[in-house]
């Protein structure tokens, strides 16, 4: 499988950071400018990124690691089914003639080409049962430990 170079685009202010394959970065930055982003947009290469639904969480919760053409993507195990469903339901967007998909997470966004979207859907689909089981076991153990004497 070919390797893709990834960039994190951080427009600051009220705008969420975005990760995108380098081939979409210039189009993404131009789109942000067209939609009113006036601040300094910082770009930096990355090999790691994560998606999260936000809210309270345990720092040691299980995370599914997905290798996506040069990117190590982390998704909390309890959120795999959520992001899988959202990816499947995403409507395509356009930068001119270029089709892309944008997945919003609580803290950030993830911009994908159609091929990368298909690959991520397949990767998450293969992990649905395993991720749900890992999350169930993790939270069941937390519940047991919380109810044990001296664990209040």
C-alpha atoms as a PDB file:
ATOM      1  CA  UNK A   1       0.000   0.000   0.000  1.00  0.00           C
ATOM      2  CA  UNK A   2       1.360   3.417  -0.871  1.00  0.00           C
ATOM      3  CA  UNK A   3       2.331   5.842   1.867  1.00  0.00           C
ATOM      4  CA  UNK A   4       0.592   9.206   2.161  1.00  0.00           C
ATOM      5  CA  UNK A   5       2.097  12.293   3.770  1.00  0.00           C
ATOM      6  CA  UNK A   6      -0.208  13.894   6.333  1.00  0.00           C
ATOM      7  CA  UNK A   7      -0.450  17.440   7.643  1.00  0.00           C
ATOM      8  CA  UNK A   8      -2.198  18.924  10.656  1.00  0.00           C
ATOM      9  CA  UNK A   9      -3.756  22.274   9.820  1.00  0.00           C
ATOM     10  CA  UNK A  10      -4.335  24.419  12.911  1.00  0.00           C
ATOM     11  CA  UNK A  11      -6.254  27.602  12.141  1.00  0.00           C
ATOM     12  CA  UNK A  12      -6.532  28.566  15.820  1.00  0.00           C
ATOM     13  CA  UNK A  13      -9.320  30.552  17.401  1.00  0.00           C
ATOM     14  CA  UNK A  14     -12.744  28.912  17.245  1.00  0.00           C
ATOM     15  CA  UNK A  15     -11.677  26.669  14.349  1.00  0.00           C
ATOM     16  CA  UNK A  16     -10.915  23.000  14.887  1.00  0.00           C
ATOM     17  CA  UNK A  17      -7.600  21.540  13.830  1.00  0.00           C
ATOM     18  CA  UNK A  18      -7.793  19.324  10.745  1.00  0.00           C
ATOM     19  CA  UNK A  19      -5.627  16.445   9.573  1.00  0.00           C
ATOM     20  CA  UNK A  20      -5.486  15.902   5.838  1.00  0.00           C
ATOM     21  CA  UNK A  21      -3.357  14.166   3.266  1.00  0.00           C
ATOM     22  CA  UNK A  22      -0.880  16.660   1.818  1.00  0.00           C
ATOM     23  CA  UNK A  23      -2.609  16.497  -1.582  1.00  0.00           C
ATOM     24  CA  UNK A  24      -5.690  18.181  -0.055  1.00  0.00           C
ATOM     25  CA  UNK A  25      -3.965  20.716   2.221  1.00  0.00           C
ATOM     26  CA  UNK A  26      -3.822  23.705  -0.151  1.00  0.00           C
ATOM     27  CA  UNK A  27      -7.474  23.179  -1.080  1.00  0.00           C
ATOM     28  CA  UNK A  28      -8.449  22.878   2.587  1.00  0.00           C
ATOM     29  CA  UNK A  29      -6.598  26.062   3.586  1.00  0.00           C
ATOM     30  CA  UNK A  30      -8.179  27.978   0.677  1.00  0.00           C
ATOM     31  CA  UNK A  31     -11.611  26.700   1.745  1.00  0.00           C
ATOM     32  CA  UNK A  32     -11.004  27.826   5.340  1.00  0.00           C
ATOM     33  CA  UNK A  33     -10.046  31.278   4.087  1.00  0.00           C
ATOM     34  CA  UNK A  34     -13.172  31.453   1.917  1.00  0.00           C
ATOM     35  CA  UNK A  35     -15.305  30.580   4.957  1.00  0.00           C
ATOM     36  CA  UNK A  36     -13.831  33.406   7.023  1.00  0.00           C
ATOM     37  CA  UNK A  37     -10.721  32.077   8.748  1.00  0.00           C
ATOM     38  CA  UNK A  38      -8.504  35.134   9.058  1.00  0.00           C
ATOM     39  CA  UNK A  39      -5.919  34.020  11.614  1.00  0.00           C
ATOM     40  CA  UNK A  40      -2.540  32.445  11.092  1.00  0.00           C
ATOM     41  CA  UNK A  41      -2.949  28.875   9.869  1.00  0.00           C
ATOM     42  CA  UNK A  42      -0.184  26.652  11.156  1.00  0.00           C
ATOM     43  CA  UNK A  43       0.679  23.550   9.144  1.00  0.00           C
ATOM     44  CA  UNK A  44       2.877  20.736  10.365  1.00  0.00           C
ATOM     45  CA  UNK A  45       3.546  17.207   9.206  1.00  0.00           C
ATOM     46  CA  UNK A  46       2.226  14.407  11.363  1.00  0.00           C
ATOM     47  CA  UNK A  47       2.363  10.642  11.536  1.00  0.00           C
ATOM     48  CA  UNK A  48      -0.194  10.346  14.389  1.00  0.00           C
ATOM     49  CA  UNK A  49      -3.737  11.599  14.829  1.00  0.00           C
ATOM     50  CA  UNK A  50      -6.776  10.725  16.892  1.00  0.00           C
ATOM     51  CA  UNK A  51     -10.551  10.943  16.853  1.00  0.00           C
ATOM     52  CA  UNK A  52     -12.700  11.245  19.963  1.00  0.00           C
ATOM     53  CA  UNK A  53     -16.339  11.945  20.824  1.00  0.00           C
ATOM     54  CA  UNK A  54     -15.313  14.064  23.804  1.00  0.00           C
ATOM     55  CA  UNK A  55     -16.732  13.999  27.312  1.00  0.00           C
ATOM     56  CA  UNK A  56     -15.414  12.265  30.400  1.00  0.00           C
ATOM     57  CA  UNK A  57     -12.990   9.409  29.862  1.00  0.00           C
ATOM     58  CA  UNK A  58     -10.369   7.254  31.495  1.00  0.00           C
ATOM     59  CA  UNK A  59      -6.820   8.090  30.405  1.00  0.00           C
ATOM     60  CA  UNK A  60      -6.006   4.384  30.253  1.00  0.00           C
ATOM     61  CA  UNK A  61      -9.008   3.337  28.137  1.00  0.00           C
ATOM     62  CA  UNK A  62      -8.302   1.019  25.209  1.00  0.00           C
ATOM     63  CA  UNK A  63      -7.621   2.618  21.848  1.00  0.00           C
ATOM     64  CA  UNK A  64      -7.752   0.958  18.451  1.00  0.00           C
ATOM     65  CA  UNK A  65      -4.749   1.844  16.282  1.00  0.00           C
ATOM     66  CA  UNK A  66      -5.379   2.022  12.542  1.00  0.00           C
ATOM     67  CA  UNK A  67      -2.526   2.292  10.038  1.00  0.00           C
ATOM     68  CA  UNK A  68      -3.850   4.525   7.279  1.00  0.00           C
ATOM     69  CA  UNK A  69      -1.214   4.944   4.549  1.00  0.00           C
ATOM     70  CA  UNK A  70       1.478   6.454   6.728  1.00  0.00           C
ATOM     71  CA  UNK A  71      -0.760   7.719   9.543  1.00  0.00           C
ATOM     72  CA  UNK A  72      -1.185   6.038  12.930  1.00  0.00           C
ATOM     73  CA  UNK A  73      -4.826   6.861  13.733  1.00  0.00           C
ATOM     74  CA  UNK A  74      -6.111   6.273  17.256  1.00  0.00           C
ATOM     75  CA  UNK A  75      -9.803   5.773  18.002  1.00  0.00           C
ATOM     76  CA  UNK A  76     -11.027   4.906  21.512  1.00  0.00           C
ATOM     77  CA  UNK A  77     -12.445   1.383  21.428  1.00  0.00           C
ATOM     78  CA  UNK A  78     -15.869   2.528  22.651  1.00  0.00           C
ATOM     79  CA  UNK A  79     -16.081   5.005  19.753  1.00  0.00           C
ATOM     80  CA  UNK A  80     -15.169   2.713  16.850  1.00  0.00           C
ATOM     81  CA  UNK A  81     -18.782   1.842  15.968  1.00  0.00           C
ATOM     82  CA  UNK A  82     -19.779   5.523  16.175  1.00  0.00           C
ATOM     83  CA  UNK A  83     -17.055   6.729  13.819  1.00  0.00           C
ATOM     84  CA  UNK A  84     -17.569   3.765  11.487  1.00  0.00           C
ATOM     85  CA  UNK A  85     -21.259   4.623  11.129  1.00  0.00           C
ATOM     86  CA  UNK A  86     -20.483   8.303  10.628  1.00  0.00           C
ATOM     87  CA  UNK A  87     -17.911   7.510   7.930  1.00  0.00           C
ATOM     88  CA  UNK A  88     -20.390   5.299   6.087  1.00  0.00           C
ATOM     89  CA  UNK A  89     -23.039   8.046   6.224  1.00  0.00           C
ATOM     90  CA  UNK A  90     -20.759  10.930   5.191  1.00  0.00           C
ATOM     91  CA  UNK A  91     -21.828  12.919   2.166  1.00  0.00           C
ATOM     92  CA  UNK A  92     -19.098  13.805  -0.317  1.00  0.00           C
ATOM     93  CA  UNK A  93     -17.871  17.388  -0.454  1.00  0.00           C
ATOM     94  CA  UNK A  94     -16.076  19.231  -3.230  1.00  0.00           C
ATOM     95  CA  UNK A  95     -13.066  21.475  -3.541  1.00  0.00           C
ATOM     96  CA  UNK A  96     -13.868  22.550  -7.103  1.00  0.00           C
ATOM     97  CA  UNK A  97     -13.613  19.312  -9.075  1.00  0.00           C
ATOM     98  CA  UNK A  98     -11.947  17.405  -6.215  1.00  0.00           C
ATOM     99  CA  UNK A  99     -14.122  15.131  -4.051  1.00  0.00           C
ATOM    100  CA  UNK A 100     -13.277  14.734  -0.379  1.00  0.00           C
ATOM    101  CA  UNK A 101     -14.920  13.755   2.922  1.00  0.00           C
ATOM    102  CA  UNK A 102     -14.710  15.537   6.271  1.00  0.00           C
ATOM    103  CA  UNK A 103     -15.296  13.669   9.509  1.00  0.00           C
ATOM    104  CA  UNK A 104     -15.899  15.877  12.550  1.00  0.00           C
ATOM    105  CA  UNK A 105     -14.696  14.650  15.901  1.00  0.00           C
ATOM    106  CA  UNK A 106     -15.275  16.507  19.170  1.00  0.00           C
ATOM    107  CA  UNK A 107     -11.864  18.200  19.155  1.00  0.00           C
ATOM    108  CA  UNK A 108     -10.790  18.075  15.532  1.00  0.00           C
ATOM    109  CA  UNK A 109     -11.630  17.123  11.948  1.00  0.00           C
ATOM    110  CA  UNK A 110     -10.281  14.496   9.608  1.00  0.00           C
ATOM    111  CA  UNK A 111     -10.239  15.168   5.852  1.00  0.00           C
ATOM    112  CA  UNK A 112     -10.073  12.176   3.519  1.00  0.00           C
ATOM    113  CA  UNK A 113      -9.955  11.371  -0.162  1.00  0.00           C
ATOM    114  CA  UNK A 114     -12.584   8.854  -1.316  1.00  0.00           C
ATOM    115  CA  UNK A 115      -9.966   6.082  -1.349  1.00  0.00           C
ATOM    116  CA  UNK A 116      -8.752   6.849   2.173  1.00  0.00           C
ATOM    117  CA  UNK A 117     -12.347   6.953   3.407  1.00  0.00           C
ATOM    118  CA  UNK A 118     -13.025   3.494   1.937  1.00  0.00           C
ATOM    119  CA  UNK A 119      -9.846   2.141   3.518  1.00  0.00           C
ATOM    120  CA  UNK A 120     -10.731   3.578   6.935  1.00  0.00           C
ATOM    121  CA  UNK A 121     -14.285   2.198   6.742  1.00  0.00           C
ATOM    122  CA  UNK A 122     -12.893  -1.290   6.014  1.00  0.00           C
ATOM    123  CA  UNK A 123     -10.300  -1.019   8.793  1.00  0.00           C
ATOM    124  CA  UNK A 124     -12.850   0.053  11.399  1.00  0.00           C
ATOM    125  CA  UNK A 125     -15.354  -2.529  10.188  1.00  0.00           C
ATOM    126  CA  UNK A 126     -12.816  -5.299  10.824  1.00  0.00           C
ATOM    127  CA  UNK A 127     -12.399  -4.009  14.396  1.00  0.00           C
ATOM    128  CA  UNK A 128     -16.065  -3.501  15.368  1.00  0.00           C
ATOM    129  CA  UNK A 129     -16.484  -6.649  17.466  1.00  0.00           C
ATOM    130  CA  UNK A 130     -12.969  -6.583  18.939  1.00  0.00           C
ATOM    131  CA  UNK A 131     -13.275  -2.897  19.874  1.00  0.00           C
ATOM    132  CA  UNK A 132     -16.685  -3.353  21.505  1.00  0.00           C
ATOM    133  CA  UNK A 133     -15.386  -6.346  23.476  1.00  0.00           C
ATOM    134  CA  UNK A 134     -12.268  -4.475  24.620  1.00  0.00           C
ATOM    135  CA  UNK A 135     -14.359  -1.503  25.759  1.00  0.00           C
ATOM    136  CA  UNK A 136     -16.875  -3.748  27.565  1.00  0.00           C
ATOM    137  CA  UNK A 137     -14.118  -5.615  29.426  1.00  0.00           C
ATOM    138  CA  UNK A 138     -12.327  -2.389  30.320  1.00  0.00           C
ATOM    139  CA  UNK A 139     -15.414  -0.692  31.759  1.00  0.00           C
ATOM    140  CA  UNK A 140     -16.580  -3.872  33.522  1.00  0.00           C
ATOM    141  CA  UNK A 141     -13.199  -4.062  35.268  1.00  0.00           C
ATOM    142  CA  UNK A 142     -13.478  -0.391  36.260  1.00  0.00           C
ATOM    143  CA  UNK A 143     -16.942  -1.053  37.745  1.00  0.00           C
ATOM    144  CA  UNK A 144     -15.647  -4.056  39.735  1.00  0.00           C
ATOM    145  CA  UNK A 145     -12.652  -2.096  41.030  1.00  0.00           C
ATOM    146  CA  UNK A 146     -14.834   0.847  41.974  1.00  0.00           C
ATOM    147  CA  UNK A 147     -17.075  -1.365  44.105  1.00  0.00           C
ATOM    148  CA  UNK A 148     -14.223  -3.207  45.836  1.00  0.00           C
ATOM    149  CA  UNK A 149     -13.497  -2.267  49.465  1.00  0.00           C
ATOM    150  CA  UNK A 150     -10.857   0.477  49.704  1.00  0.00           C
ATOM    151  CA  UNK A 151     -11.440   1.596  46.105  1.00  0.00           C
ATOM    152  CA  UNK A 152     -13.832   4.460  46.860  1.00  0.00           C
END
